[in-house]
């Protein structure tokens, strides 16, 4: 039931914009989505399952944006700059993405723990969500590896210099994402300059 699932996730995210996760009620999420509470439990199993699905969707959305940024026109510097800009924008506008990237989960956010056993939900999307969100280190690794794959362009596979360049660009973006609001919001120019000066750029 993908449409109902997305509506429920949208409703949960909307509730989270005004309420701490601890006070978000399943019945209110179901009502806002226009489905029965039973449908909600069939999809997610529990409030913890809903939290895991919400965080997984945030991670997937961020990674999809990374893929789009890496397809931008231009050379390595331009494409990593676009990825940096997307990372900063996502972290500053989506508290779940910020928490995924930094590991800083505020009291208002769901902080889903990984299940101790294998996921057992009958819903495939929920089994994936129940496997747990990536840690910050895993997420940085995923972005770095996707960037290396997208930017290789004839470089040897597993080019260590390119991997370092991609990781530096991402970590610069993260520093902008967590910096005070007085810091300029756009990491792209700095990332582009660093990449152009770095030997792998």
Protein backbone atom coordinates (compact mmCIF):
# COMPACT_ATOMS: atom_id res chain seq x y z
CA UNK A 1 0.00 0.00 0.00
CA UNK A 2 2.62 2.57 -1.12
CA UNK A 3 0.22 5.56 -1.30
CA UNK A 4 -1.03 5.02 2.25
CA UNK A 5 2.53 4.49 3.46
CA UNK A 6 3.72 7.75 1.94
CA UNK A 7 0.69 9.61 3.30
CA UNK A 8 1.42 8.25 6.78
CA UNK A 9 5.08 9.24 6.56
CA UNK A 10 4.09 12.71 5.37
CA UNK A 11 1.65 13.02 8.27
CA UNK A 12 4.27 11.89 10.77
CA UNK A 13 6.80 14.36 9.39
CA UNK A 14 4.23 17.15 9.54
CA UNK A 15 3.44 16.30 13.17
CA UNK A 16 7.14 16.30 13.95
CA UNK A 17 7.43 19.88 12.72
CA UNK A 18 5.31 21.08 15.64
CA UNK A 19 5.61 18.36 18.29
CA UNK A 20 8.43 16.44 19.91
CA UNK A 21 8.42 12.83 18.71
CA UNK A 22 7.55 11.56 22.19
CA UNK A 23 4.19 13.34 22.02
CA UNK A 24 3.28 12.38 18.44
CA UNK A 25 0.35 9.95 18.67
CA UNK A 26 -0.22 7.14 16.20
CA UNK A 27 -3.95 7.78 16.12
CA UNK A 28 -3.34 11.41 15.12
CA UNK A 29 -0.90 10.38 12.38
CA UNK A 30 -3.45 7.92 10.98
CA UNK A 31 -6.23 10.52 11.13
CA UNK A 32 -4.09 13.16 9.37
CA UNK A 33 -3.23 10.65 6.64
CA UNK A 34 -6.87 9.70 6.18
CA UNK A 35 -6.36 6.02 6.95
CA UNK A 36 -7.28 3.73 9.81
CA UNK A 37 -5.00 3.19 12.76
CA UNK A 38 -4.95 -0.50 11.79
CA UNK A 39 -3.50 0.42 8.39
CA UNK A 40 -0.77 2.36 10.14
CA UNK A 41 0.10 -0.63 12.35
CA UNK A 42 -0.05 -2.98 9.35
CA UNK A 43 2.50 -0.82 7.54
CA UNK A 44 4.89 0.02 10.37
CA UNK A 45 4.17 -2.41 13.20
CA UNK A 46 4.72 0.14 15.96
CA UNK A 47 5.67 3.74 16.64
CA UNK A 48 9.29 2.61 16.60
CA UNK A 49 8.74 1.13 13.14
CA UNK A 50 7.21 4.39 11.98
CA UNK A 51 10.26 6.26 13.31
CA UNK A 52 12.64 3.91 11.50
CA UNK A 53 10.70 4.34 8.25
CA UNK A 54 10.66 8.13 8.63
CA UNK A 55 14.41 8.26 9.17
CA UNK A 56 15.08 5.77 6.34
CA UNK A 57 13.03 7.91 3.96
CA UNK A 58 15.05 10.99 4.96
CA UNK A 59 18.30 9.11 4.28
CA UNK A 60 17.04 7.83 0.91
CA UNK A 61 15.86 11.30 -0.11
CA UNK A 62 19.22 12.82 0.79
CA UNK A 63 21.11 10.13 -1.15
CA UNK A 64 18.85 10.60 -4.18
CA UNK A 65 19.74 14.30 -4.11
CA UNK A 66 23.42 13.39 -3.93
CA UNK A 67 22.99 11.30 -7.09
CA UNK A 68 21.33 14.23 -8.87
CA UNK A 69 24.09 16.62 -7.77
CA UNK A 70 26.78 14.25 -9.01
CA UNK A 71 25.09 14.26 -12.44
CA UNK A 72 25.50 18.05 -12.69
CA UNK A 73 27.41 19.39 -15.68
CA UNK A 74 31.07 20.28 -15.28
CA UNK A 75 34.19 18.74 -13.93
CA UNK A 76 35.04 17.18 -10.60
CA UNK A 77 35.08 20.51 -8.76
CA UNK A 78 31.68 21.57 -10.12
CA UNK A 79 30.02 18.26 -9.35
CA UNK A 80 31.43 18.02 -5.84
CA UNK A 81 30.46 21.66 -5.26
CA UNK A 82 26.90 20.79 -6.26
CA UNK A 83 26.98 17.83 -3.89
CA UNK A 84 28.27 20.07 -1.10
CA UNK A 85 25.54 22.64 -1.73
CA UNK A 86 22.89 19.91 -1.62
CA UNK A 87 24.34 18.50 1.61
CA UNK A 88 24.32 21.89 3.34
CA UNK A 89 20.82 22.73 2.12
CA UNK A 90 19.45 19.34 3.17
CA UNK A 91 21.04 19.44 6.61
CA UNK A 92 19.82 22.98 7.27
CA UNK A 93 16.26 22.37 6.12
CA UNK A 94 15.65 18.80 7.31
CA UNK A 95 16.41 18.03 10.94
CA UNK A 96 16.38 14.28 10.25
CA UNK A 97 19.05 14.60 7.55
CA UNK A 98 21.11 16.80 9.86
CA UNK A 99 20.87 14.19 12.61
CA UNK A 100 21.77 11.38 10.20
CA UNK A 101 24.85 13.25 8.99
CA UNK A 102 26.07 14.48 12.37
CA UNK A 103 24.77 11.92 14.87
CA UNK A 104 23.27 14.77 16.92
CA UNK A 105 19.72 13.71 17.69
CA UNK A 106 17.77 16.31 19.63
CA UNK A 107 15.08 15.42 22.11
CA UNK A 108 12.40 16.39 19.60
CA UNK A 109 13.48 13.81 17.01
CA UNK A 110 12.86 10.09 16.77
CA UNK A 111 16.12 8.26 17.27
CA UNK A 112 15.36 4.79 16.00
CA UNK A 113 17.54 2.01 17.28
CA UNK A 114 18.47 -0.92 15.11
CA UNK A 115 16.56 -4.07 15.88
CA UNK A 116 18.45 -6.75 17.76
CA UNK A 117 17.28 -9.49 15.40
CA UNK A 118 16.65 -9.64 11.67
CA UNK A 119 13.75 -7.53 10.37
CA UNK A 120 10.58 -9.60 10.17
CA UNK A 121 7.89 -7.23 8.87
CA UNK A 122 5.69 -8.66 6.09
CA UNK A 123 6.05 -5.26 4.33
CA UNK A 124 9.29 -5.20 2.24
CA UNK A 125 9.77 -1.44 2.65
CA UNK A 126 9.44 -1.83 6.39
CA UNK A 127 11.96 -4.66 6.53
CA UNK A 128 14.44 -2.30 4.88
CA UNK A 129 13.56 0.49 7.32
CA UNK A 130 13.75 -1.88 10.29
CA UNK A 131 17.33 -2.76 9.34
CA UNK A 132 18.07 0.70 10.73
CA UNK A 133 19.36 3.95 9.33
CA UNK A 134 23.01 4.36 8.39
CA UNK A 135 25.31 5.79 11.02
CA UNK A 136 26.99 9.12 10.20
CA UNK A 137 30.20 7.29 9.26
CA UNK A 138 28.25 4.88 7.03
CA UNK A 139 26.39 7.75 5.36
CA UNK A 140 29.60 9.68 4.69
CA UNK A 141 31.07 6.48 3.26
CA UNK A 142 28.06 5.96 1.01
CA UNK A 143 28.27 9.50 -0.34
CA UNK A 144 32.04 9.27 -0.83
CA UNK A 145 31.75 5.95 -2.66
CA UNK A 146 28.95 7.23 -4.91
CA UNK A 147 30.97 10.32 -5.70
CA UNK A 148 34.04 8.25 -6.57
CA UNK A 149 31.97 6.01 -8.83
CA UNK A 150 30.33 9.00 -10.55
CA UNK A 151 33.56 10.94 -10.99
CA UNK A 152 36.00 8.15 -11.88
CA UNK A 153 35.89 9.00 -15.62
CA UNK A 154 38.75 6.76 -16.65
CA UNK A 155 40.59 6.85 -13.32
CA UNK A 156 41.71 3.51 -12.01
CA UNK A 157 39.07 1.76 -9.91
CA UNK A 158 39.35 2.59 -6.22
CA UNK A 159 41.58 5.58 -6.93
CA UNK A 160 42.68 6.60 -3.40
CA UNK A 161 43.37 10.24 -4.35
CA UNK A 162 39.86 10.67 -5.78
CA UNK A 163 38.36 9.04 -2.69
CA UNK A 164 40.23 11.48 -0.45
CA UNK A 165 39.12 14.42 -2.59
CA UNK A 166 35.48 13.32 -2.36
CA UNK A 167 35.68 12.84 1.39
CA UNK A 168 37.31 16.24 1.93
CA UNK A 169 34.55 17.90 -0.11
CA UNK A 170 31.87 16.16 1.93
CA UNK A 171 33.49 16.99 5.26
CA UNK A 172 33.80 20.64 4.25
CA UNK A 173 30.10 20.63 3.44
CA UNK A 174 29.33 19.07 6.82
CA UNK A 175 31.29 21.80 8.58
CA UNK A 176 29.03 24.38 6.88
CA UNK A 177 25.95 22.36 7.77
CA UNK A 178 26.69 22.43 11.48
CA UNK A 179 28.23 25.92 11.69
CA UNK A 180 26.42 28.85 13.21
CA UNK A 181 24.02 30.73 10.95
CA UNK A 182 26.51 33.61 10.66
CA UNK A 183 28.66 31.38 8.43
CA UNK A 184 27.77 31.75 4.73
CA UNK A 185 25.32 29.03 3.73
CA UNK A 186 27.01 28.12 0.46
CA UNK A 187 29.91 25.67 0.78
CA UNK A 188 30.16 25.26 -2.99
CA UNK A 189 32.80 27.96 -3.71
CA UNK A 190 35.18 26.66 -1.04
CA UNK A 191 34.69 23.06 -2.12
CA UNK A 192 35.32 23.98 -5.75
CA UNK A 193 38.51 25.87 -4.86
CA UNK A 194 39.84 23.08 -2.63
CA UNK A 195 39.11 20.41 -5.23
CA UNK A 196 40.80 22.42 -7.97
CA UNK A 197 43.92 22.82 -5.81
CA UNK A 198 43.93 19.20 -4.63
CA UNK A 199 46.04 16.85 -6.82
CA UNK A 200 43.12 14.53 -7.64
CA UNK A 201 40.90 17.41 -8.79
